[in-house]
Amino acid sequence: MLTKADKWLISALLLFATAGIGLNMYYLSGASGQEKHMVISVNGQIVKTIPLRPGYSGEFRIGGDSHFNVVEYKDGHVHMKEADCPDQICVQSGWINTPPQQIVCLPYRVVVKITADSSADIDDIVR
């Protein structure tokens, strides 16, 4: 049987947990006003930097007829649309939209990373 104090304690803990999750989602979603960019690098050299804004979309192709990657960006989200690497891990990694998330294609040494003008004060992101 729960006492009145137990119910207050459970309510307070649920309130603090919900507030923490809500604040975390607010800052991770970019609602803090920071400008986000997609940085594409090959072999450690930056090839292209594209600002990510709502309403903007496009594709960027890296490579030639063979050994290529196609990066698609749409409404502040990025994913590897197409690649001819054997394992296709970069294509299967899905959409990213929060700094410092990144997509890596190891066979062709392509890194697509989301960056922001200001630090998001996040040490690590775990999925």
C-alpha atoms as a PDB file:
ATOM      1  CA  MET A   1       0.000   0.000   0.000  1.00  0.00           C
ATOM      2  CA  LEU A   2       1.327   3.406  -0.988  1.00  0.00           C
ATOM      3  CA  THR A   3       1.274   6.195   1.527  1.00  0.00           C
ATOM      4  CA  LYS A   4       0.660   9.825   0.703  1.00  0.00           C
ATOM      5  CA  ALA A   5       4.414  10.557   0.962  1.00  0.00           C
ATOM      6  CA  ASP A   6       5.184   7.729  -1.496  1.00  0.00           C
ATOM      7  CA  LYS A   7       2.748   9.192  -4.013  1.00  0.00           C
ATOM      8  CA  TRP A   8       4.345  12.653  -3.670  1.00  0.00           C
ATOM      9  CA  LEU A   9       7.809  11.186  -4.118  1.00  0.00           C
ATOM     10  CA  ILE A  10       6.799   9.244  -7.237  1.00  0.00           C
ATOM     11  CA  SER A  11       5.079  12.328  -8.675  1.00  0.00           C
ATOM     12  CA  ALA A  12       8.149  14.510  -8.057  1.00  0.00           C
ATOM     13  CA  LEU A  13      10.492  11.952  -9.632  1.00  0.00           C
ATOM     14  CA  LEU A  14       8.278  11.621 -12.699  1.00  0.00           C
ATOM     15  CA  LEU A  15       8.090  15.415 -13.025  1.00  0.00           C
ATOM     16  CA  PHE A  16      11.881  15.808 -12.859  1.00  0.00           C
ATOM     17  CA  ALA A  17      12.450  12.952 -15.320  1.00  0.00           C
ATOM     18  CA  THR A  18       9.930  14.383 -17.803  1.00  0.00           C
ATOM     19  CA  ALA A  19      11.440  17.870 -17.501  1.00  0.00           C
ATOM     20  CA  GLY A  20      14.943  16.479 -18.080  1.00  0.00           C
ATOM     21  CA  ILE A  21      13.883  14.567 -21.169  1.00  0.00           C
ATOM     22  CA  GLY A  22      12.034  17.602 -22.511  1.00  0.00           C
ATOM     23  CA  LEU A  23      15.008  19.932 -22.042  1.00  0.00           C
ATOM     24  CA  ASN A  24      17.335  17.398 -23.628  1.00  0.00           C
ATOM     25  CA  MET A  25      15.083  17.096 -26.689  1.00  0.00           C
ATOM     26  CA  TYR A  26      14.796  20.887 -26.927  1.00  0.00           C
ATOM     27  CA  TYR A  27      18.559  21.420 -27.014  1.00  0.00           C
ATOM     28  CA  LEU A  28      19.263  18.420 -29.264  1.00  0.00           C
ATOM     29  CA  SER A  29      16.674  19.475 -31.829  1.00  0.00           C
ATOM     30  CA  GLY A  30      18.558  22.671 -32.612  1.00  0.00           C
ATOM     31  CA  ALA A  31      15.840  24.854 -31.139  1.00  0.00           C
ATOM     32  CA  SER A  32      18.535  26.728 -29.246  1.00  0.00           C
ATOM     33  CA  GLY A  33      19.081  28.883 -32.343  1.00  0.00           C
ATOM     34  CA  GLN A  34      22.357  27.431 -33.576  1.00  0.00           C
ATOM     35  CA  GLU A  35      23.133  27.258 -37.290  1.00  0.00           C
ATOM     36  CA  LYS A  36      23.814  23.696 -38.444  1.00  0.00           C
ATOM     37  CA  HIS A  37      26.066  22.631 -41.324  1.00  0.00           C
ATOM     38  CA  MET A  38      26.833  19.390 -43.116  1.00  0.00           C
ATOM     39  CA  VAL A  39      30.577  18.896 -43.603  1.00  0.00           C
ATOM     40  CA  ILE A  40      31.641  16.276 -46.163  1.00  0.00           C
ATOM     41  CA  SER A  41      35.257  15.128 -46.075  1.00  0.00           C
ATOM     42  CA  VAL A  42      37.173  12.515 -48.058  1.00  0.00           C
ATOM     43  CA  ASN A  43      40.501  11.188 -46.730  1.00  0.00           C
ATOM     44  CA  GLY A  44      40.400  13.859 -44.018  1.00  0.00           C
ATOM     45  CA  GLN A  45      40.106  16.729 -46.524  1.00  0.00           C
ATOM     46  CA  ILE A  46      36.930  18.838 -46.457  1.00  0.00           C
ATOM     47  CA  VAL A  47      35.221  18.612 -49.837  1.00  0.00           C
ATOM     48  CA  LYS A  48      31.994  20.531 -49.219  1.00  0.00           C
ATOM     49  CA  THR A  49      30.208  22.414 -46.439  1.00  0.00           C
ATOM     50  CA  ILE A  50      26.461  22.912 -46.832  1.00  0.00           C
ATOM     51  CA  PRO A  51      24.217  24.861 -44.423  1.00  0.00           C
ATOM     52  CA  LEU A  52      21.230  22.856 -43.196  1.00  0.00           C
ATOM     53  CA  ARG A  53      18.055  24.923 -43.097  1.00  0.00           C
ATOM     54  CA  PRO A  54      14.369  24.020 -43.004  1.00  0.00           C
ATOM     55  CA  GLY A  55      12.897  24.000 -46.496  1.00  0.00           C
ATOM     56  CA  TYR A  56      16.195  23.390 -48.289  1.00  0.00           C
ATOM     57  CA  SER A  57      16.945  20.085 -49.967  1.00  0.00           C
ATOM     58  CA  GLY A  58      19.382  18.652 -52.446  1.00  0.00           C
ATOM     59  CA  GLU A  59      21.939  15.988 -53.241  1.00  0.00           C
ATOM     60  CA  PHE A  60      25.717  15.954 -53.471  1.00  0.00           C
ATOM     61  CA  ARG A  61      27.659  13.260 -55.331  1.00  0.00           C
ATOM     62  CA  ILE A  62      31.139  12.262 -54.221  1.00  0.00           C
ATOM     63  CA  GLY A  63      33.411  10.281 -56.525  1.00  0.00           C
ATOM     64  CA  GLY A  64      33.168   9.213 -60.152  1.00  0.00           C
ATOM     65  CA  ASP A  65      31.409   6.442 -62.079  1.00  0.00           C
ATOM     66  CA  SER A  66      32.734   3.836 -59.646  1.00  0.00           C
ATOM     67  CA  HIS A  67      33.504   4.377 -55.962  1.00  0.00           C
ATOM     68  CA  PHE A  68      30.785   6.956 -55.415  1.00  0.00           C
ATOM     69  CA  ASN A  69      28.515   8.164 -52.631  1.00  0.00           C
ATOM     70  CA  VAL A  70      25.382  10.296 -52.936  1.00  0.00           C
ATOM     71  CA  VAL A  71      24.481  12.403 -49.896  1.00  0.00           C
ATOM     72  CA  GLU A  72      20.936  13.748 -49.648  1.00  0.00           C
ATOM     73  CA  TYR A  73      19.890  16.587 -47.350  1.00  0.00           C
ATOM     74  CA  LYS A  74      16.348  17.724 -46.666  1.00  0.00           C
ATOM     75  CA  ASP A  75      14.865  20.048 -44.027  1.00  0.00           C
ATOM     76  CA  GLY A  76      17.943  19.896 -41.799  1.00  0.00           C
ATOM     77  CA  HIS A  77      18.303  16.104 -42.049  1.00  0.00           C
ATOM     78  CA  VAL A  78      21.053  14.224 -43.894  1.00  0.00           C
ATOM     79  CA  HIS A  79      21.511  10.644 -45.088  1.00  0.00           C
ATOM     80  CA  MET A  80      23.624   8.642 -47.482  1.00  0.00           C
ATOM     81  CA  LYS A  81      21.155   8.012 -50.278  1.00  0.00           C
ATOM     82  CA  GLU A  82      23.322   5.786 -52.426  1.00  0.00           C
ATOM     83  CA  ALA A  83      26.791   4.207 -52.437  1.00  0.00           C
ATOM     84  CA  ASP A  84      28.477   1.458 -54.381  1.00  0.00           C
ATOM     85  CA  CYS A  85      30.558   0.170 -51.459  1.00  0.00           C
ATOM     86  CA  PRO A  86      30.171  -3.549 -50.758  1.00  0.00           C
ATOM     87  CA  ASP A  87      28.785  -3.428 -47.207  1.00  0.00           C
ATOM     88  CA  GLN A  88      26.274  -0.515 -47.540  1.00  0.00           C
ATOM     89  CA  ILE A  89      26.576   0.348 -43.828  1.00  0.00           C
ATOM     90  CA  CYS A  90      26.645   4.071 -44.622  1.00  0.00           C
ATOM     91  CA  VAL A  91      23.358   3.802 -46.543  1.00  0.00           C
ATOM     92  CA  GLN A  92      21.726   1.782 -43.773  1.00  0.00           C
ATOM     93  CA  SER A  93      22.733   4.243 -41.043  1.00  0.00           C
ATOM     94  CA  GLY A  94      19.664   6.382 -41.755  1.00  0.00           C
ATOM     95  CA  TRP A  95      18.992  10.089 -41.288  1.00  0.00           C
ATOM     96  CA  ILE A  96      21.022  12.308 -38.964  1.00  0.00           C
ATOM     97  CA  ASN A  97      20.208  15.856 -37.845  1.00  0.00           C
ATOM     98  CA  THR A  98      21.993  16.655 -34.584  1.00  0.00           C
ATOM     99  CA  PRO A  99      25.597  17.744 -34.003  1.00  0.00           C
ATOM    100  CA  PRO A 100      27.964  15.815 -33.658  1.00  0.00           C
ATOM    101  CA  GLN A 101      26.258  12.908 -35.460  1.00  0.00           C
ATOM    102  CA  GLN A 102      28.047  11.540 -38.504  1.00  0.00           C
ATOM    103  CA  ILE A 103      27.856   8.968 -41.279  1.00  0.00           C
ATOM    104  CA  VAL A 104      31.048   7.165 -42.256  1.00  0.00           C
ATOM    105  CA  CYS A 105      31.792   5.146 -45.401  1.00  0.00           C
ATOM    106  CA  LEU A 106      34.989   3.292 -44.517  1.00  0.00           C
ATOM    107  CA  PRO A 107      35.825   1.751 -47.914  1.00  0.00           C
ATOM    108  CA  TYR A 108      35.922   5.190 -49.593  1.00  0.00           C
ATOM    109  CA  ARG A 109      36.946   7.157 -46.459  1.00  0.00           C
ATOM    110  CA  VAL A 110      33.975   9.516 -46.683  1.00  0.00           C
ATOM    111  CA  VAL A 111      32.719  11.239 -43.525  1.00  0.00           C
ATOM    112  CA  VAL A 112      29.498  13.264 -43.442  1.00  0.00           C
ATOM    113  CA  LYS A 113      29.256  15.172 -40.174  1.00  0.00           C
ATOM    114  CA  ILE A 114      26.729  17.599 -38.716  1.00  0.00           C
ATOM    115  CA  THR A 115      28.368  20.613 -37.069  1.00  0.00           C
ATOM    116  CA  ALA A 116      26.980  23.702 -35.363  1.00  0.00           C
ATOM    117  CA  ASP A 117      28.160  27.244 -34.788  1.00  0.00           C
ATOM    118  CA  SER A 118      28.075  26.740 -31.038  1.00  0.00           C
ATOM    119  CA  SER A 119      28.750  23.694 -28.926  1.00  0.00           C
ATOM    120  CA  ALA A 120      25.747  21.628 -27.865  1.00  0.00           C
ATOM    121  CA  ASP A 121      27.520  20.686 -24.601  1.00  0.00           C
ATOM    122  CA  ILE A 122      27.071  16.989 -25.307  1.00  0.00           C
ATOM    123  CA  ASP A 123      29.836  14.529 -24.599  1.00  0.00           C
ATOM    124  CA  ASP A 124      28.324  11.503 -26.315  1.00  0.00           C
ATOM    125  CA  ILE A 125      25.219  10.278 -28.091  1.00  0.00           C
ATOM    126  CA  VAL A 126      24.106   6.683 -27.659  1.00  0.00           C
ATOM    127  CA  ARG A 127      21.500   4.986 -29.804  1.00  0.00           C
END
